[in-house]
Amino acid sequence: MKKYRIDGAAVHGISDLYDQFNRELMADRGWHLGSSLDGLNDVLYRVEGEIREGAPDTFVWIDHAHSRDALGF
């Protein structure tokens, strides 16, 4: 089981959010996500496929309130 940890305190804008996704989701890949919702969708689809194959993953988003405020929501 993989445990992905997003550090909301490190998110001050959209590029920081994608840095967090790349650190957690793309560490073992030969490429990184750009700031694209299509790319993020592709990666999350891959993670969903891994879960369906019996490898349940967990996402933990700490300090989510900070990232929510930083992203303007």
PDB file of N, CA and C in Angstrom:
ATOM      1  N   MET A   1       0.844  -1.183   0.000  1.00  0.00           N
ATOM      2  CA  MET A   1       0.000   0.000   0.000  1.00  0.00           C
ATOM      3  C   MET A   1       0.887   1.243   0.000  1.00  0.00           C
ATOM      4  N   LYS A   2       0.574   2.171  -0.872  1.00  0.00           N
ATOM      5  CA  LYS A   2       1.296   3.436  -0.933  1.00  0.00           C
ATOM      6  C   LYS A   2       0.535   4.484  -0.136  1.00  0.00           C
ATOM      7  N   LYS A   3       1.277   5.382   0.461  1.00  0.00           N
ATOM      8  CA  LYS A   3       0.671   6.490   1.184  1.00  0.00           C
ATOM      9  C   LYS A   3       1.246   7.779   0.615  1.00  0.00           C
ATOM     10  N   TYR A   4       0.402   8.558  -0.035  1.00  0.00           N
ATOM     11  CA  TYR A   4       0.800   9.828  -0.623  1.00  0.00           C
ATOM     12  C   TYR A   4       0.490  10.938   0.369  1.00  0.00           C
ATOM     13  N   ARG A   5       1.432  11.863   0.562  1.00  0.00           N
ATOM     14  CA  ARG A   5       1.257  12.934   1.534  1.00  0.00           C
ATOM     15  C   ARG A   5       1.434  14.274   0.830  1.00  0.00           C
ATOM     16  N   ILE A   6       0.372  15.050   0.803  1.00  0.00           N
ATOM     17  CA  ILE A   6       0.400  16.392   0.228  1.00  0.00           C
ATOM     18  C   ILE A   6       0.516  17.378   1.390  1.00  0.00           C
ATOM     19  N   ASP A   7       1.541  18.217   1.349  1.00  0.00           N
ATOM     20  CA  ASP A   7       1.783  19.198   2.408  1.00  0.00           C
ATOM     21  C   ASP A   7       1.167  20.529   1.994  1.00  0.00           C
ATOM     22  N   GLY A   8      -0.015  20.791   2.500  1.00  0.00           N
ATOM     23  CA  GLY A   8      -0.729  22.007   2.147  1.00  0.00           C
ATOM     24  C   GLY A   8      -0.019  23.274   2.573  1.00  0.00           C
ATOM     25  N   ALA A   9       0.816  23.206   3.612  1.00  0.00           N
ATOM     26  CA  ALA A   9       1.547  24.393   4.070  1.00  0.00           C
ATOM     27  C   ALA A   9       2.592  24.832   3.052  1.00  0.00           C
ATOM     28  N   ALA A  10       3.003  23.926   2.172  1.00  0.00           N
ATOM     29  CA  ALA A  10       3.999  24.252   1.146  1.00  0.00           C
ATOM     30  C   ALA A  10       3.356  24.773  -0.134  1.00  0.00           C
ATOM     31  N   VAL A  11       2.035  24.864  -0.153  1.00  0.00           N
ATOM     32  CA  VAL A  11       1.318  25.306  -1.349  1.00  0.00           C
ATOM     33  C   VAL A  11       0.970  26.788  -1.210  1.00  0.00           C
ATOM     34  N   HIS A  12       1.594  27.590  -2.073  1.00  0.00           N
ATOM     35  CA  HIS A  12       1.332  29.034  -2.082  1.00  0.00           C
ATOM     36  C   HIS A  12       0.745  29.479  -3.417  1.00  0.00           C
ATOM     37  N   GLY A  13       0.615  28.532  -4.329  1.00  0.00           N
ATOM     38  CA  GLY A  13       0.051  28.789  -5.648  1.00  0.00           C
ATOM     39  C   GLY A  13      -0.066  27.471  -6.397  1.00  0.00           C
ATOM     40  N   ILE A  14      -0.601  27.529  -7.601  1.00  0.00           N
ATOM     41  CA  ILE A  14      -0.855  26.314  -8.372  1.00  0.00           C
ATOM     42  C   ILE A  14       0.430  25.556  -8.700  1.00  0.00           C
ATOM     43  N   SER A  15       1.518  26.266  -8.972  1.00  0.00           N
ATOM     44  CA  SER A  15       2.770  25.563  -9.294  1.00  0.00           C
ATOM     45  C   SER A  15       3.290  24.785  -8.090  1.00  0.00           C
ATOM     46  N   ASP A  16       3.089  25.310  -6.886  1.00  0.00           N
ATOM     47  CA  ASP A  16       3.490  24.580  -5.677  1.00  0.00           C
ATOM     48  C   ASP A  16       2.655  23.320  -5.499  1.00  0.00           C
ATOM     49  N   LEU A  17       1.381  23.401  -5.839  1.00  0.00           N
ATOM     50  CA  LEU A  17       0.521  22.226  -5.740  1.00  0.00           C
ATOM     51  C   LEU A  17       1.008  21.133  -6.679  1.00  0.00           C
ATOM     52  N   TYR A  18       1.347  21.509  -7.906  1.00  0.00           N
ATOM     53  CA  TYR A  18       1.858  20.517  -8.848  1.00  0.00           C
ATOM     54  C   TYR A  18       3.232  19.992  -8.411  1.00  0.00           C
ATOM     55  N   ASP A  19       4.033  20.813  -7.742  1.00  0.00           N
ATOM     56  CA  ASP A  19       5.295  20.317  -7.171  1.00  0.00           C
ATOM     57  C   ASP A  19       5.018  19.215  -6.159  1.00  0.00           C
ATOM     58  N   GLN A  20       3.984  19.405  -5.351  1.00  0.00           N
ATOM     59  CA  GLN A  20       3.608  18.380  -4.376  1.00  0.00           C
ATOM     60  C   GLN A  20       3.144  17.104  -5.077  1.00  0.00           C
ATOM     61  N   PHE A  21       2.311  17.249  -6.099  1.00  0.00           N
ATOM     62  CA  PHE A  21       1.854  16.070  -6.848  1.00  0.00           C
ATOM     63  C   PHE A  21       3.031  15.341  -7.486  1.00  0.00           C
ATOM     64  N   ASN A  22       3.958  16.094  -8.085  1.00  0.00           N
ATOM     65  CA  ASN A  22       5.117  15.473  -8.715  1.00  0.00           C
ATOM     66  C   ASN A  22       5.987  14.744  -7.692  1.00  0.00           C
ATOM     67  N   ARG A  23       6.197  15.352  -6.539  1.00  0.00           N
ATOM     68  CA  ARG A  23       7.013  14.731  -5.496  1.00  0.00           C
ATOM     69  C   ARG A  23       6.409  13.399  -5.051  1.00  0.00           C
ATOM     70  N   GLU A  24       5.111  13.366  -4.931  1.00  0.00           N
ATOM     71  CA  GLU A  24       4.455  12.171  -4.410  1.00  0.00           C
ATOM     72  C   GLU A  24       4.075  11.155  -5.486  1.00  0.00           C
ATOM     73  N   LEU A  25       3.541  11.625  -6.590  1.00  0.00           N
ATOM     74  CA  LEU A  25       2.971  10.719  -7.586  1.00  0.00           C
ATOM     75  C   LEU A  25       3.927  10.350  -8.714  1.00  0.00           C
ATOM     76  N   MET A  26       4.960  11.154  -8.926  1.00  0.00           N
ATOM     77  CA  MET A  26       5.804  10.951 -10.094  1.00  0.00           C
ATOM     78  C   MET A  26       7.254  10.605  -9.747  1.00  0.00           C
ATOM     79  N   ALA A  27       7.524  10.309  -8.491  1.00  0.00           N
ATOM     80  CA  ALA A  27       8.900  10.059  -8.044  1.00  0.00           C
ATOM     81  C   ALA A  27       9.554   8.912  -8.803  1.00  0.00           C
ATOM     82  N   ASP A  28       8.792   7.910  -9.188  1.00  0.00           N
ATOM     83  CA  ASP A  28       9.361   6.734  -9.855  1.00  0.00           C
ATOM     84  C   ASP A  28       9.142   6.753 -11.367  1.00  0.00           C
ATOM     85  N   ARG A  29       8.785   7.896 -11.904  1.00  0.00           N
ATOM     86  CA  ARG A  29       8.523   8.023 -13.345  1.00  0.00           C
ATOM     87  C   ARG A  29       9.610   8.850 -14.009  1.00  0.00           C
ATOM     88  N   GLY A  30       9.721   8.744 -15.298  1.00  0.00           N
ATOM     89  CA  GLY A  30      10.729   9.493 -16.039  1.00  0.00           C
ATOM     90  C   GLY A  30      10.247  10.846 -16.526  1.00  0.00           C
ATOM     91  N   TRP A  31       9.095  11.289 -16.084  1.00  0.00           N
ATOM     92  CA  TRP A  31       8.558  12.578 -16.504  1.00  0.00           C
ATOM     93  C   TRP A  31       7.782  13.189 -15.348  1.00  0.00           C
ATOM     94  N   HIS A  32       7.458  14.459 -15.448  1.00  0.00           N
ATOM     95  CA  HIS A  32       6.712  15.158 -14.408  1.00  0.00           C
ATOM     96  C   HIS A  32       5.481  15.821 -14.991  1.00  0.00           C
ATOM     97  N   LEU A  33       4.511  16.023 -14.138  1.00  0.00           N
ATOM     98  CA  LEU A  33       3.302  16.735 -14.524  1.00  0.00           C
ATOM     99  C   LEU A  33       3.598  18.204 -14.765  1.00  0.00           C
ATOM    100  N   GLY A  34       2.989  18.760 -15.785  1.00  0.00           N
ATOM    101  CA  GLY A  34       2.952  20.202 -15.935  1.00  0.00           C
ATOM    102  C   GLY A  34       1.698  20.694 -15.230  1.00  0.00           C
ATOM    103  N   SER A  35       1.472  21.965 -15.229  1.00  0.00           N
ATOM    104  CA  SER A  35       0.259  22.512 -14.592  1.00  0.00           C
ATOM    105  C   SER A  35      -0.939  22.291 -15.499  1.00  0.00           C
ATOM    106  N   SER A  36      -1.367  21.050 -15.568  1.00  0.00           N
ATOM    107  CA  SER A  36      -2.436  20.662 -16.480  1.00  0.00           C
ATOM    108  C   SER A  36      -3.412  19.726 -15.782  1.00  0.00           C
ATOM    109  N   LEU A  37      -4.676  20.069 -15.833  1.00  0.00           N
ATOM    110  CA  LEU A  37      -5.679  19.178 -15.251  1.00  0.00           C
ATOM    111  C   LEU A  37      -5.774  17.865 -16.020  1.00  0.00           C
ATOM    112  N   ASP A  38      -5.520  17.904 -17.329  1.00  0.00           N
ATOM    113  CA  ASP A  38      -5.526  16.672 -18.122  1.00  0.00           C
ATOM    114  C   ASP A  38      -4.425  15.723 -17.659  1.00  0.00           C
ATOM    115  N   GLY A  39      -3.232  16.253 -17.409  1.00  0.00           N
ATOM    116  CA  GLY A  39      -2.126  15.436 -16.924  1.00  0.00           C
ATOM    117  C   GLY A  39      -2.410  14.865 -15.548  1.00  0.00           C
ATOM    118  N   LEU A  40      -2.972  15.686 -14.669  1.00  0.00           N
ATOM    119  CA  LEU A  40      -3.328  15.208 -13.334  1.00  0.00           C
ATOM    120  C   LEU A  40      -4.376  14.109 -13.423  1.00  0.00           C
ATOM    121  N   ASN A  41      -5.348  14.278 -14.300  1.00  0.00           N
ATOM    122  CA  ASN A  41      -6.370  13.254 -14.508  1.00  0.00           C
ATOM    123  C   ASN A  41      -5.732  11.934 -14.944  1.00  0.00           C
ATOM    124  N   ASP A  42      -4.769  12.004 -15.863  1.00  0.00           N
ATOM    125  CA  ASP A  42      -4.086  10.792 -16.323  1.00  0.00           C
ATOM    126  C   ASP A  42      -3.383  10.076 -15.177  1.00  0.00           C
ATOM    127  N   VAL A  43      -2.708  10.835 -14.329  1.00  0.00           N
ATOM    128  CA  VAL A  43      -1.990  10.228 -13.212  1.00  0.00           C
ATOM    129  C   VAL A  43      -2.957   9.633 -12.198  1.00  0.00           C
ATOM    130  N   LEU A  44      -4.021  10.348 -11.892  1.00  0.00           N
ATOM    131  CA  LEU A  44      -5.000   9.813 -10.942  1.00  0.00           C
ATOM    132  C   LEU A  44      -5.701   8.583 -11.506  1.00  0.00           C
ATOM    133  N   TYR A  45      -5.875   8.527 -12.813  1.00  0.00           N
ATOM    134  CA  TYR A  45      -6.439   7.341 -13.457  1.00  0.00           C
ATOM    135  C   TYR A  45      -5.492   6.152 -13.272  1.00  0.00           C
ATOM    136  N   ARG A  46      -4.180   6.402 -13.396  1.00  0.00           N
ATOM    137  CA  ARG A  46      -3.191   5.351 -13.155  1.00  0.00           C
ATOM    138  C   ARG A  46      -3.286   4.845 -11.715  1.00  0.00           C
ATOM    139  N   VAL A  47      -3.384   5.763 -10.766  1.00  0.00           N
ATOM    140  CA  VAL A  47      -3.477   5.389  -9.353  1.00  0.00           C
ATOM    141  C   VAL A  47      -4.752   4.583  -9.120  1.00  0.00           C
ATOM    142  N   GLU A  48      -5.860   5.009  -9.730  1.00  0.00           N
ATOM    143  CA  GLU A  48      -7.115   4.263  -9.595  1.00  0.00           C
ATOM    144  C   GLU A  48      -6.945   2.846 -10.132  1.00  0.00           C
ATOM    145  N   GLY A  49      -6.247   2.674 -11.243  1.00  0.00           N
ATOM    146  CA  GLY A  49      -5.998   1.352 -11.803  1.00  0.00           C
ATOM    147  C   GLY A  49      -5.194   0.487 -10.851  1.00  0.00           C
ATOM    148  N   GLU A  50      -4.204   1.065 -10.187  1.00  0.00           N
ATOM    149  CA  GLU A  50      -3.419   0.320  -9.209  1.00  0.00           C
ATOM    150  C   GLU A  50      -4.296  -0.119  -8.045  1.00  0.00           C
ATOM    151  N   ILE A  51      -5.206   0.742  -7.627  1.00  0.00           N
ATOM    152  CA  ILE A  51      -6.113   0.404  -6.533  1.00  0.00           C
ATOM    153  C   ILE A  51      -7.015  -0.757  -6.939  1.00  0.00           C
ATOM    154  N   ARG A  52      -7.529  -0.708  -8.153  1.00  0.00           N
ATOM    155  CA  ARG A  52      -8.402  -1.785  -8.639  1.00  0.00           C
ATOM    156  C   ARG A  52      -7.670  -3.114  -8.729  1.00  0.00           C
ATOM    157  N   GLU A  53      -6.360  -3.061  -8.941  1.00  0.00           N
ATOM    158  CA  GLU A  53      -5.563  -4.276  -9.028  1.00  0.00           C
ATOM    159  C   GLU A  53      -5.185  -4.810  -7.650  1.00  0.00           C
ATOM    160  N   GLY A  54      -5.714  -4.199  -6.596  1.00  0.00           N
ATOM    161  CA  GLY A  54      -5.504  -4.711  -5.251  1.00  0.00           C
ATOM    162  C   GLY A  54      -4.413  -4.031  -4.462  1.00  0.00           C
ATOM    163  N   ALA A  55      -3.929  -2.897  -4.923  1.00  0.00           N
ATOM    164  CA  ALA A  55      -2.909  -2.148  -4.190  1.00  0.00           C
ATOM    165  C   ALA A  55      -3.527  -0.846  -3.684  1.00  0.00           C
ATOM    166  N   PRO A  56      -4.279  -0.914  -2.578  1.00  0.00           N
ATOM    167  CA  PRO A  56      -4.955   0.293  -2.099  1.00  0.00           C
ATOM    168  C   PRO A  56      -3.958   1.370  -1.676  1.00  0.00           C
ATOM    169  N   ASP A  57      -4.220   2.574  -2.114  1.00  0.00           N
ATOM    170  CA  ASP A  57      -3.374   3.713  -1.784  1.00  0.00           C
ATOM    171  C   ASP A  57      -4.153   4.677  -0.901  1.00  0.00           C
ATOM    172  N   THR A  58      -3.424   5.478  -0.148  1.00  0.00           N
ATOM    173  CA  THR A  58      -4.023   6.465   0.731  1.00  0.00           C
ATOM    174  C   THR A  58      -3.439   7.833   0.422  1.00  0.00           C
ATOM    175  N   PHE A  59      -4.293   8.827   0.333  1.00  0.00           N
ATOM    176  CA  PHE A  59      -3.868  10.210   0.182  1.00  0.00           C
ATOM    177  C   PHE A  59      -4.121  10.935   1.490  1.00  0.00           C
ATOM    178  N   VAL A  60      -3.097  11.596   2.004  1.00  0.00           N
ATOM    179  CA  VAL A  60      -3.217  12.407   3.207  1.00  0.00           C
ATOM    180  C   VAL A  60      -2.825  13.820   2.827  1.00  0.00           C
ATOM    181  N   TRP A  61      -3.723  14.764   3.035  1.00  0.00           N
ATOM    182  CA  TRP A  61      -3.485  16.161   2.682  1.00  0.00           C
ATOM    183  C   TRP A  61      -3.472  16.956   3.979  1.00  0.00           C
ATOM    184  N   ILE A  62      -2.263  17.235   4.493  1.00  0.00           N
ATOM    185  CA  ILE A  62      -2.177  17.985   5.749  1.00  0.00           C
ATOM    186  C   ILE A  62      -2.203  19.482   5.443  1.00  0.00           C
ATOM    187  N   ASP A  63      -2.643  20.247   6.415  1.00  0.00           N
ATOM    188  CA  ASP A  63      -2.767  21.705   6.263  1.00  0.00           C
ATOM    189  C   ASP A  63      -3.545  22.080   5.010  1.00  0.00           C
ATOM    190  N   HIS A  64      -4.614  21.343   4.752  1.00  0.00           N
ATOM    191  CA  HIS A  64      -5.423  21.603   3.560  1.00  0.00           C
ATOM    192  C   HIS A  64      -6.052  22.991   3.581  1.00  0.00           C
ATOM    193  N   ALA A  65      -6.326  23.518   4.773  1.00  0.00           N
ATOM    194  CA  ALA A  65      -6.923  24.854   4.855  1.00  0.00           C
ATOM    195  C   ALA A  65      -5.965  25.908   4.291  1.00  0.00           C
ATOM    196  N   HIS A  66      -4.665  25.749   4.546  1.00  0.00           N
ATOM    197  CA  HIS A  66      -3.688  26.700   4.012  1.00  0.00           C
ATOM    198  C   HIS A  66      -3.682  26.655   2.485  1.00  0.00           C
ATOM    199  N   SER A  67      -3.642  25.472   1.927  1.00  0.00           N
ATOM    200  CA  SER A  67      -3.609  25.376   0.458  1.00  0.00           C
ATOM    201  C   SER A  67      -4.921  25.867  -0.153  1.00  0.00           C
ATOM    202  N   ARG A  68      -6.034  25.610   0.513  1.00  0.00           N
ATOM    203  CA  ARG A  68      -7.327  26.118   0.017  1.00  0.00           C
ATOM    204  C   ARG A  68      -7.305  27.636  -0.044  1.00  0.00           C
ATOM    205  N   ASP A  69      -6.804  28.269   1.008  1.00  0.00           N
ATOM    206  CA  ASP A  69      -6.727  29.731   1.031  1.00  0.00           C
ATOM    207  C   ASP A  69      -5.739  30.250  -0.011  1.00  0.00           C
ATOM    208  N   ALA A  70      -4.595  29.582  -0.156  1.00  0.00           N
ATOM    209  CA  ALA A  70      -3.566  30.016  -1.101  1.00  0.00           C
ATOM    210  C   ALA A  70      -4.043  29.905  -2.543  1.00  0.00           C
ATOM    211  N   LEU A  71      -4.904  28.929  -2.807  1.00  0.00           N
ATOM    212  CA  LEU A  71      -5.399  28.719  -4.168  1.00  0.00           C
ATOM    213  C   LEU A  71      -6.652  29.535  -4.468  1.00  0.00           C
ATOM    214  N   GLY A  72      -7.135  30.260  -3.463  1.00  0.00           N
ATOM    215  CA  GLY A  72      -8.247  31.182  -3.692  1.00  0.00           C
ATOM    216  C   GLY A  72      -9.617  30.560  -3.644  1.00  0.00           C
ATOM    217  N   PHE A  73      -9.759  29.467  -2.903  1.00  0.00           N
ATOM    218  CA  PHE A  73     -11.084  28.852  -2.784  1.00  0.00           C
ATOM    219  C   PHE A  73     -11.620  29.100  -1.411  1.00  0.00           C
TER     220      PHE A  73
END
